[in-house]
Amino acid sequence: MDKTIRTHLDNIRSDDGQIQFKAYDYLMKETEQPVDWAYEAWDEIVEGLTHKG
């Protein structure tokens, strides 16, 4: 996983909605095709889907 992907994965959890949206948009575009970092990020992504409210 390169630094750009890592940064966007981190930014998904930002308190700033604009930063979150930019990260989400970037990652969605990247994953239109298979990516080599999917399994590396999977647990983190699933954890982020858990409702904390």
PDB file of N, CA and C in Angstrom:
ATOM      1  N   MET A   1       0.856  -1.166   0.000  1.00  0.00           N
ATOM      2  CA  MET A   1       0.000   0.000   0.000  1.00  0.00           C
ATOM      3  C   MET A   1       0.907   1.236   0.000  1.00  0.00           C
ATOM      4  N   ASP A   2       0.612   2.166  -0.893  1.00  0.00           N
ATOM      5  CA  ASP A   2       1.448   3.359  -0.943  1.00  0.00           C
ATOM      6  C   ASP A   2       0.965   4.418   0.053  1.00  0.00           C
ATOM      7  N   LYS A   3       1.758   5.461   0.198  1.00  0.00           N
ATOM      8  CA  LYS A   3       1.459   6.502   1.190  1.00  0.00           C
ATOM      9  C   LYS A   3       0.167   7.249   0.883  1.00  0.00           C
ATOM     10  N   THR A   4      -0.148   7.421  -0.387  1.00  0.00           N
ATOM     11  CA  THR A   4      -1.371   8.132  -0.765  1.00  0.00           C
ATOM     12  C   THR A   4      -2.602   7.357  -0.313  1.00  0.00           C
ATOM     13  N   ILE A   5      -2.617   6.068  -0.555  1.00  0.00           N
ATOM     14  CA  ILE A   5      -3.746   5.233  -0.125  1.00  0.00           C
ATOM     15  C   ILE A   5      -3.840   5.248   1.395  1.00  0.00           C
ATOM     16  N   ARG A   6      -2.709   5.092   2.077  1.00  0.00           N
ATOM     17  CA  ARG A   6      -2.697   5.105   3.541  1.00  0.00           C
ATOM     18  C   ARG A   6      -3.294   6.410   4.075  1.00  0.00           C
ATOM     19  N   THR A   7      -2.906   7.524   3.485  1.00  0.00           N
ATOM     20  CA  THR A   7      -3.422   8.826   3.910  1.00  0.00           C
ATOM     21  C   THR A   7      -4.926   8.901   3.732  1.00  0.00           C
ATOM     22  N   HIS A   8      -5.431   8.442   2.596  1.00  0.00           N
ATOM     23  CA  HIS A   8      -6.872   8.491   2.356  1.00  0.00           C
ATOM     24  C   HIS A   8      -7.626   7.549   3.292  1.00  0.00           C
ATOM     25  N   LEU A   9      -7.072   6.401   3.585  1.00  0.00           N
ATOM     26  CA  LEU A   9      -7.711   5.496   4.547  1.00  0.00           C
ATOM     27  C   LEU A   9      -7.766   6.144   5.934  1.00  0.00           C
ATOM     28  N   ASP A  10      -6.713   6.838   6.311  1.00  0.00           N
ATOM     29  CA  ASP A  10      -6.711   7.549   7.594  1.00  0.00           C
ATOM     30  C   ASP A  10      -7.723   8.688   7.587  1.00  0.00           C
ATOM     31  N   ASN A  11      -7.819   9.385   6.465  1.00  0.00           N
ATOM     32  CA  ASN A  11      -8.709  10.541   6.367  1.00  0.00           C
ATOM     33  C   ASN A  11     -10.187  10.174   6.394  1.00  0.00           C
ATOM     34  N   ILE A  12     -10.515   8.936   6.108  1.00  0.00           N
ATOM     35  CA  ILE A  12     -11.914   8.495   6.186  1.00  0.00           C
ATOM     36  C   ILE A  12     -12.452   8.705   7.603  1.00  0.00           C
ATOM     37  N   ARG A  13     -11.584   8.640   8.595  1.00  0.00           N
ATOM     38  CA  ARG A  13     -12.003   8.795   9.992  1.00  0.00           C
ATOM     39  C   ARG A  13     -11.850  10.223  10.513  1.00  0.00           C
ATOM     40  N   SER A  14     -11.581  11.156   9.632  1.00  0.00           N
ATOM     41  CA  SER A  14     -11.425  12.558  10.037  1.00  0.00           C
ATOM     42  C   SER A  14     -12.730  13.118  10.592  1.00  0.00           C
ATOM     43  N   ASP A  15     -12.615  14.089  11.469  1.00  0.00           N
ATOM     44  CA  ASP A  15     -13.795  14.794  11.972  1.00  0.00           C
ATOM     45  C   ASP A  15     -14.294  15.829  10.965  1.00  0.00           C
ATOM     46  N   ASP A  16     -13.466  16.152   9.986  1.00  0.00           N
ATOM     47  CA  ASP A  16     -13.813  17.134   8.956  1.00  0.00           C
ATOM     48  C   ASP A  16     -14.530  16.426   7.806  1.00  0.00           C
ATOM     49  N   GLY A  17     -15.774  16.779   7.582  1.00  0.00           N
ATOM     50  CA  GLY A  17     -16.580  16.133   6.547  1.00  0.00           C
ATOM     51  C   GLY A  17     -16.011  16.269   5.151  1.00  0.00           C
ATOM     52  N   GLN A  18     -15.392  17.406   4.844  1.00  0.00           N
ATOM     53  CA  GLN A  18     -14.809  17.594   3.513  1.00  0.00           C
ATOM     54  C   GLN A  18     -13.626  16.660   3.297  1.00  0.00           C
ATOM     55  N   ILE A  19     -12.816  16.510   4.321  1.00  0.00           N
ATOM     56  CA  ILE A  19     -11.673  15.594   4.228  1.00  0.00           C
ATOM     57  C   ILE A  19     -12.171  14.166   4.061  1.00  0.00           C
ATOM     58  N   GLN A  20     -13.192  13.794   4.832  1.00  0.00           N
ATOM     59  CA  GLN A  20     -13.779  12.457   4.703  1.00  0.00           C
ATOM     60  C   GLN A  20     -14.289  12.228   3.290  1.00  0.00           C
ATOM     61  N   PHE A  21     -15.024  13.185   2.748  1.00  0.00           N
ATOM     62  CA  PHE A  21     -15.596  13.021   1.416  1.00  0.00           C
ATOM     63  C   PHE A  21     -14.509  12.881   0.361  1.00  0.00           C
ATOM     64  N   LYS A  22     -13.479  13.714   0.428  1.00  0.00           N
ATOM     65  CA  LYS A  22     -12.392  13.628  -0.554  1.00  0.00           C
ATOM     66  C   LYS A  22     -11.705  12.264  -0.484  1.00  0.00           C
ATOM     67  N   ALA A  23     -11.499  11.772   0.732  1.00  0.00           N
ATOM     68  CA  ALA A  23     -10.872  10.457   0.900  1.00  0.00           C
ATOM     69  C   ALA A  23     -11.768   9.362   0.339  1.00  0.00           C
ATOM     70  N   TYR A  24     -13.048   9.420   0.668  1.00  0.00           N
ATOM     71  CA  TYR A  24     -14.010   8.431   0.178  1.00  0.00           C
ATOM     72  C   TYR A  24     -14.059   8.442  -1.344  1.00  0.00           C
ATOM     73  N   ASP A  25     -14.155   9.633  -1.926  1.00  0.00           N
ATOM     74  CA  ASP A  25     -14.225   9.768  -3.377  1.00  0.00           C
ATOM     75  C   ASP A  25     -12.972   9.191  -4.040  1.00  0.00           C
ATOM     76  N   TYR A  26     -11.817   9.499  -3.493  1.00  0.00           N
ATOM     77  CA  TYR A  26     -10.562   8.988  -4.039  1.00  0.00           C
ATOM     78  C   TYR A  26     -10.524   7.460  -3.984  1.00  0.00           C
ATOM     79  N   LEU A  27     -10.872   6.905  -2.822  1.00  0.00           N
ATOM     80  CA  LEU A  27     -10.825   5.452  -2.663  1.00  0.00           C
ATOM     81  C   LEU A  27     -11.850   4.749  -3.548  1.00  0.00           C
ATOM     82  N   MET A  28     -13.010   5.336  -3.719  1.00  0.00           N
ATOM     83  CA  MET A  28     -14.018   4.747  -4.608  1.00  0.00           C
ATOM     84  C   MET A  28     -13.503   4.694  -6.044  1.00  0.00           C
ATOM     85  N   LYS A  29     -12.851   5.753  -6.487  1.00  0.00           N
ATOM     86  CA  LYS A  29     -12.295   5.764  -7.849  1.00  0.00           C
ATOM     87  C   LYS A  29     -11.177   4.736  -7.988  1.00  0.00           C
ATOM     88  N   GLU A  30     -10.334   4.642  -6.971  1.00  0.00           N
ATOM     89  CA  GLU A  30      -9.235   3.671  -7.004  1.00  0.00           C
ATOM     90  C   GLU A  30      -9.745   2.239  -7.075  1.00  0.00           C
ATOM     91  N   THR A  31     -10.866   1.968  -6.432  1.00  0.00           N
ATOM     92  CA  THR A  31     -11.360   0.592  -6.351  1.00  0.00           C
ATOM     93  C   THR A  31     -12.344   0.233  -7.458  1.00  0.00           C
ATOM     94  N   GLU A  32     -12.414   1.056  -8.489  1.00  0.00           N
ATOM     95  CA  GLU A  32     -13.212   0.668  -9.658  1.00  0.00           C
ATOM     96  C   GLU A  32     -12.576  -0.526 -10.358  1.00  0.00           C
ATOM     97  N   GLN A  33     -11.305  -0.713 -10.122  1.00  0.00           N
ATOM     98  CA  GLN A  33     -10.548  -1.864 -10.608  1.00  0.00           C
ATOM     99  C   GLN A  33      -9.963  -2.571  -9.381  1.00  0.00           C
ATOM    100  N   PRO A  34      -9.629  -3.850  -9.501  1.00  0.00           N
ATOM    101  CA  PRO A  34      -9.014  -4.542  -8.360  1.00  0.00           C
ATOM    102  C   PRO A  34      -7.743  -3.819  -7.889  1.00  0.00           C
ATOM    103  N   VAL A  35      -7.547  -3.807  -6.589  1.00  0.00           N
ATOM    104  CA  VAL A  35      -6.370  -3.162  -6.008  1.00  0.00           C
ATOM    105  C   VAL A  35      -5.580  -4.178  -5.191  1.00  0.00           C
ATOM    106  N   ASP A  36      -4.273  -3.988  -5.132  1.00  0.00           N
ATOM    107  CA  ASP A  36      -3.427  -4.951  -4.426  1.00  0.00           C
ATOM    108  C   ASP A  36      -3.431  -4.753  -2.910  1.00  0.00           C
ATOM    109  N   TRP A  37      -4.015  -3.677  -2.428  1.00  0.00           N
ATOM    110  CA  TRP A  37      -4.019  -3.387  -0.997  1.00  0.00           C
ATOM    111  C   TRP A  37      -5.341  -3.749  -0.310  1.00  0.00           C
ATOM    112  N   ALA A  38      -6.263  -4.342  -1.010  1.00  0.00           N
ATOM    113  CA  ALA A  38      -7.594  -4.619  -0.451  1.00  0.00           C
ATOM    114  C   ALA A  38      -7.526  -5.485   0.812  1.00  0.00           C
ATOM    115  N   TYR A  39      -6.781  -6.573   0.769  1.00  0.00           N
ATOM    116  CA  TYR A  39      -6.722  -7.460   1.932  1.00  0.00           C
ATOM    117  C   TYR A  39      -5.970  -6.807   3.085  1.00  0.00           C
ATOM    118  N   GLU A  40      -5.016  -5.977   2.763  1.00  0.00           N
ATOM    119  CA  GLU A  40      -4.255  -5.272   3.790  1.00  0.00           C
ATOM    120  C   GLU A  40      -5.143  -4.287   4.561  1.00  0.00           C
ATOM    121  N   ALA A  41      -6.102  -3.693   3.885  1.00  0.00           N
ATOM    122  CA  ALA A  41      -6.963  -2.672   4.489  1.00  0.00           C
ATOM    123  C   ALA A  41      -8.309  -3.219   4.957  1.00  0.00           C
ATOM    124  N   TRP A  42      -8.626  -4.465   4.629  1.00  0.00           N
ATOM    125  CA  TRP A  42      -9.978  -4.999   4.843  1.00  0.00           C
ATOM    126  C   TRP A  42     -10.468  -4.869   6.285  1.00  0.00           C
ATOM    127  N   ASP A  43      -9.704  -5.354   7.258  1.00  0.00           N
ATOM    128  CA  ASP A  43     -10.152  -5.320   8.655  1.00  0.00           C
ATOM    129  C   ASP A  43     -10.416  -3.889   9.118  1.00  0.00           C
ATOM    130  N   GLU A  44      -9.564  -2.991   8.720  1.00  0.00           N
ATOM    131  CA  GLU A  44      -9.725  -1.581   9.076  1.00  0.00           C
ATOM    132  C   GLU A  44     -10.996  -0.995   8.463  1.00  0.00           C
ATOM    133  N   ILE A  45     -11.264  -1.331   7.225  1.00  0.00           N
ATOM    134  CA  ILE A  45     -12.461  -0.827   6.544  1.00  0.00           C
ATOM    135  C   ILE A  45     -13.714  -1.375   7.211  1.00  0.00           C
ATOM    136  N   VAL A  46     -13.731  -2.661   7.496  1.00  0.00           N
ATOM    137  CA  VAL A  46     -14.894  -3.276   8.142  1.00  0.00           C
ATOM    138  C   VAL A  46     -15.115  -2.657   9.526  1.00  0.00           C
ATOM    139  N   GLU A  47     -14.060  -2.451  10.269  1.00  0.00           N
ATOM    140  CA  GLU A  47     -14.177  -1.831  11.591  1.00  0.00           C
ATOM    141  C   GLU A  47     -14.812  -0.441  11.486  1.00  0.00           C
ATOM    142  N   GLY A  48     -14.471   0.286  10.441  1.00  0.00           N
ATOM    143  CA  GLY A  48     -15.024   1.619  10.234  1.00  0.00           C
ATOM    144  C   GLY A  48     -16.499   1.614   9.890  1.00  0.00           C
ATOM    145  N   LEU A  49     -17.030   0.472   9.497  1.00  0.00           N
ATOM    146  CA  LEU A  49     -18.447   0.373   9.158  1.00  0.00           C
ATOM    147  C   LEU A  49     -19.324   0.187  10.389  1.00  0.00           C
ATOM    148  N   THR A  50     -18.720  -0.104  11.512  1.00  0.00           N
ATOM    149  CA  THR A  50     -19.470  -0.336  12.738  1.00  0.00           C
ATOM    150  C   THR A  50     -20.049   0.968  13.261  1.00  0.00           C
ATOM    151  N   HIS A  51     -21.334   0.962  13.541  1.00  0.00           N
ATOM    152  CA  HIS A  51     -22.010   2.146  14.073  1.00  0.00           C
ATOM    153  C   HIS A  51     -21.575   2.354  15.521  1.00  0.00           C
ATOM    154  N   LYS A  52     -21.114   3.545  15.834  1.00  0.00           N
ATOM    155  CA  LYS A  52     -20.620   3.823  17.179  1.00  0.00           C
ATOM    156  C   LYS A  52     -21.581   4.691  17.972  1.00  0.00           C
ATOM    157  N   GLY A  53     -22.811   4.826  17.530  1.00  0.00           N
ATOM    158  CA  GLY A  53     -23.751   5.708  18.215  1.00  0.00           C
ATOM    159  C   GLY A  53     -24.643   4.972  19.038  1.00  0.00           C
TER     160      GLY A  53
END
